[in-house]
Amino acid sequence: MPAQQGPWPNRFVWHDLITKDAGRAAEFYKSLLDWKINTVQMPEGPYHMIECGPGPIGGICEQPNSPASYWMPHLCVNNVDATATLIKSLGGSIVMPPTDIPQTGRFAIVADPQGGHFSIYKGLPESPGFDPDLGIPGRACWNELYTSDDAAALRFYSKVFGWSDEPKDLGPMGTYHVQMLGDKQVGGLMKN
């Protein structure tokens, strides 16, 4: 694997919780999952870095005007700008354009053509994200997408990230699509 791609290209490497009350959320997850929370001052306000296992795995951001709390998954890519351009060319949208994170890397918030939001991220060598294959209790271990058009979503994610489909028949519930990158499971998607 070329060094410029980072250690886990096209894999989920970071998760941010966007919430109206970061302090309350931090206390809840510290109690529930034994996370350590380190607060870092950023230009837009405090960022609550989540530590679990040998290093950071994500953060908690306070946005008082957010209509609801939600998790934002970040996928490692080789080039944020080129990936954002590809996403737009395939019918996706750019929610937040490629932006530098001081002393950390670069990211963009994007959406697939059906409106599924996620972030694309390239960290600096000292901030690559967490190893998605390191199974540590308290870490995110799976990402799922429920979409209005599973066939279109499969085409989109395959073109952007090189994922292949390993379908599982769930009978009356439909088909669950395990997304593979080589021999690694990346996540799943199904029609909602």
Protein backbone atom coordinates (compact mmCIF):
# COMPACT_ATOMS: atom_id res chain seq x y z
CA MET A 1 0.00 0.00 0.00
CA PRO A 2 1.54 3.37 -0.97
CA ALA A 3 2.49 5.49 2.06
CA GLN A 4 0.65 8.57 0.73
CA GLN A 5 -2.68 6.74 1.08
CA GLY A 6 -2.32 6.43 4.82
CA PRO A 7 -2.79 3.17 6.63
CA TRP A 8 -6.53 2.59 6.03
CA PRO A 9 -7.76 4.11 2.74
CA ASN A 10 -11.50 3.86 2.06
CA ARG A 11 -12.20 2.70 5.62
CA PHE A 12 -13.97 4.41 8.53
CA VAL A 13 -11.29 5.87 10.81
CA TRP A 14 -13.01 8.52 12.97
CA HIS A 15 -16.44 9.30 14.43
CA ASP A 16 -17.69 12.67 15.69
CA LEU A 17 -20.80 13.20 17.76
CA ILE A 18 -22.53 16.48 16.91
CA THR A 19 -24.80 17.45 19.79
CA LYS A 20 -26.58 20.36 21.50
CA ASP A 21 -24.92 19.62 24.86
CA ALA A 22 -21.35 18.33 24.57
CA GLY A 23 -20.74 18.27 28.33
CA ARG A 24 -23.77 16.10 29.02
CA ALA A 25 -22.93 13.78 26.09
CA ALA A 26 -19.32 13.44 27.28
CA GLU A 27 -20.45 12.44 30.78
CA PHE A 28 -22.94 9.92 29.38
CA TYR A 29 -20.41 8.18 27.13
CA LYS A 30 -17.63 8.28 29.74
CA SER A 31 -19.95 6.40 32.11
CA LEU A 32 -21.30 4.03 29.46
CA LEU A 33 -18.11 3.12 27.58
CA ASP A 34 -15.31 4.18 29.95
CA TRP A 35 -14.05 6.76 27.47
CA LYS A 36 -11.50 9.36 28.43
CA ILE A 37 -12.39 12.83 27.15
CA ASN A 38 -9.72 15.47 26.56
CA THR A 39 -10.95 18.94 25.70
CA VAL A 40 -8.98 20.84 23.06
CA GLN A 41 -9.66 24.50 22.30
CA MET A 42 -10.34 25.08 18.60
CA PRO A 43 -11.14 28.39 16.83
CA GLU A 44 -14.85 27.46 16.64
CA GLY A 45 -15.00 26.32 20.29
CA PRO A 46 -14.02 23.35 22.44
CA TYR A 47 -13.56 19.95 20.81
CA HIS A 48 -13.91 17.00 23.17
CA MET A 49 -11.44 14.36 21.95
CA ILE A 50 -12.52 10.78 22.68
CA GLU A 51 -9.77 8.39 23.81
CA CYS A 52 -10.41 4.64 23.86
CA GLY A 53 -7.62 2.09 23.80
CA PRO A 54 -4.23 3.25 22.58
CA GLY A 55 -5.39 6.57 21.17
CA PRO A 56 -8.12 8.92 19.99
CA ILE A 57 -11.12 7.58 18.07
CA GLY A 58 -13.31 10.65 17.56
CA GLY A 59 -14.73 13.69 19.21
CA ILE A 60 -17.77 15.47 20.53
CA CYS A 61 -18.71 18.85 19.05
CA GLU A 62 -21.36 21.17 20.43
CA GLN A 63 -23.72 22.81 17.94
CA PRO A 64 -26.58 24.40 19.93
CA ASN A 65 -28.68 25.04 16.78
CA SER A 66 -28.47 21.46 15.51
CA PRO A 67 -31.98 20.01 15.09
CA ALA A 68 -30.82 16.69 16.59
CA SER A 69 -27.70 14.94 17.82
CA TYR A 70 -26.03 12.65 15.28
CA TRP A 71 -22.82 10.74 14.61
CA MET A 72 -20.66 11.78 11.66
CA PRO A 73 -18.43 8.96 10.33
CA HIS A 74 -15.18 9.88 8.58
CA LEU A 75 -13.73 7.79 5.76
CA CYS A 76 -9.99 7.92 5.09
CA VAL A 77 -9.13 8.94 1.51
CA ASN A 78 -5.91 9.61 -0.37
CA ASN A 79 -6.98 13.05 -1.62
CA VAL A 80 -9.93 14.93 -0.11
CA ASP A 81 -10.29 17.43 -2.98
CA ALA A 82 -10.18 14.79 -5.74
CA THR A 83 -12.62 12.54 -3.85
CA ALA A 84 -15.03 15.46 -3.30
CA THR A 85 -14.90 16.22 -7.04
CA LEU A 86 -15.61 12.55 -7.85
CA ILE A 87 -18.53 12.46 -5.39
CA LYS A 88 -20.07 15.54 -7.02
CA SER A 89 -19.58 14.10 -10.53
CA LEU A 90 -21.49 10.96 -9.45
CA GLY A 91 -24.53 12.94 -8.25
CA GLY A 92 -23.49 13.44 -4.64
CA SER A 93 -23.20 16.83 -2.98
CA ILE A 94 -20.63 18.82 -1.05
CA VAL A 95 -22.09 19.95 2.29
CA MET A 96 -18.84 21.52 3.57
CA PRO A 97 -16.05 22.02 1.03
CA PRO A 98 -12.57 20.60 1.60
CA THR A 99 -11.15 22.33 4.66
CA ASP A 100 -7.88 22.07 6.56
CA ILE A 101 -7.97 21.09 10.24
CA PRO A 102 -4.93 22.77 11.83
CA GLN A 103 -2.20 20.28 12.78
CA THR A 104 -4.53 17.36 11.94
CA GLY A 105 -5.36 17.00 8.24
CA ARG A 106 -8.05 17.87 5.73
CA PHE A 107 -11.72 16.90 5.46
CA ALA A 108 -14.99 17.61 3.65
CA ILE A 109 -18.56 16.76 4.57
CA VAL A 110 -20.39 15.20 1.64
CA ALA A 111 -23.60 13.35 0.84
CA ASP A 112 -24.41 10.50 -1.49
CA PRO A 113 -27.13 11.03 -4.16
CA GLN A 114 -29.83 9.76 -1.77
CA GLY A 115 -28.74 12.17 0.99
CA GLY A 116 -26.60 9.96 3.22
CA HIS A 117 -24.05 12.27 4.89
CA PHE A 118 -20.47 11.36 5.81
CA SER A 119 -17.05 12.95 5.88
CA ILE A 120 -13.97 12.22 3.80
CA TYR A 121 -10.71 12.71 5.66
CA LYS A 122 -6.97 12.60 5.14
CA GLY A 123 -4.95 12.96 8.30
CA LEU A 124 -1.39 14.05 8.70
CA PRO A 125 1.00 11.16 9.46
CA GLU A 126 0.60 11.82 13.21
CA SER A 127 -3.24 12.01 12.92
CA PRO A 128 -4.36 9.17 10.62
CA GLY A 129 -7.44 8.17 12.64
CA PHE A 130 -7.82 4.84 14.38
CA ASP A 131 -7.08 1.37 13.07
CA PRO A 132 -10.50 -0.05 12.04
CA ASP A 133 -9.22 -3.60 12.50
CA LEU A 134 -8.25 -3.10 16.14
CA GLY A 135 -11.19 -4.57 18.07
CA ILE A 136 -11.32 -2.69 21.36
CA PRO A 137 -14.49 -2.50 23.48
CA GLY A 138 -15.96 0.99 23.33
CA ARG A 139 -14.85 1.72 19.77
CA ALA A 140 -17.14 2.05 16.76
CA CYS A 141 -17.10 -1.34 15.09
CA TRP A 142 -19.73 -1.06 12.34
CA ASN A 143 -21.34 1.56 10.10
CA GLU A 144 -24.69 1.09 8.37
CA LEU A 145 -26.60 3.07 5.80
CA TYR A 146 -30.36 2.78 5.36
CA THR A 147 -31.12 4.22 1.93
CA SER A 148 -34.08 4.83 -0.37
CA ASP A 149 -32.25 3.20 -3.30
CA ASP A 150 -29.85 0.41 -2.40
CA ALA A 151 -28.90 -0.36 -6.02
CA ALA A 152 -27.88 3.27 -6.65
CA ALA A 153 -26.02 3.41 -3.32
CA LEU A 154 -24.08 0.25 -4.19
CA ARG A 155 -22.98 1.77 -7.53
CA PHE A 156 -22.00 5.08 -5.89
CA TYR A 157 -19.92 3.62 -3.05
CA SER A 158 -18.27 1.12 -5.37
CA LYS A 159 -17.16 3.92 -7.72
CA VAL A 160 -15.99 6.24 -4.95
CA PHE A 161 -14.34 3.79 -2.55
CA GLY A 162 -13.85 0.58 -4.51
CA TRP A 163 -16.17 -1.39 -2.23
CA SER A 164 -17.69 -4.64 -3.44
CA ASP A 165 -21.00 -6.13 -2.37
CA GLU A 166 -21.51 -9.30 -0.39
CA PRO A 167 -25.33 -9.58 -0.28
CA LYS A 168 -27.12 -11.44 2.51
CA ASP A 169 -30.74 -12.53 2.03
CA LEU A 170 -32.76 -11.55 5.11
CA GLY A 171 -35.99 -13.07 3.81
CA PRO A 172 -38.98 -10.74 4.23
CA MET A 173 -36.70 -7.93 5.47
CA GLY A 174 -34.92 -7.78 2.11
CA THR A 175 -31.25 -7.92 1.23
CA TYR A 176 -28.48 -6.69 3.51
CA HIS A 177 -25.40 -5.59 1.57
CA VAL A 178 -22.12 -6.12 3.43
CA GLN A 179 -19.60 -3.73 1.89
CA MET A 180 -16.16 -5.25 1.35
CA LEU A 181 -12.77 -3.73 0.60
CA GLY A 182 -10.69 -6.70 -0.42
CA ASP A 183 -11.14 -9.21 2.39
CA LYS A 184 -12.16 -6.55 4.98
CA GLN A 185 -15.74 -5.77 5.93
CA VAL A 186 -16.29 -2.00 5.79
CA GLY A 187 -19.96 -1.69 6.77
CA GLY A 188 -23.41 -2.48 5.49
CA LEU A 189 -26.33 -0.96 3.68
CA MET A 190 -29.90 -1.86 2.91
CA LYS A 191 -33.04 -0.35 1.48
CA ASN A 192 -35.14 1.47 4.05
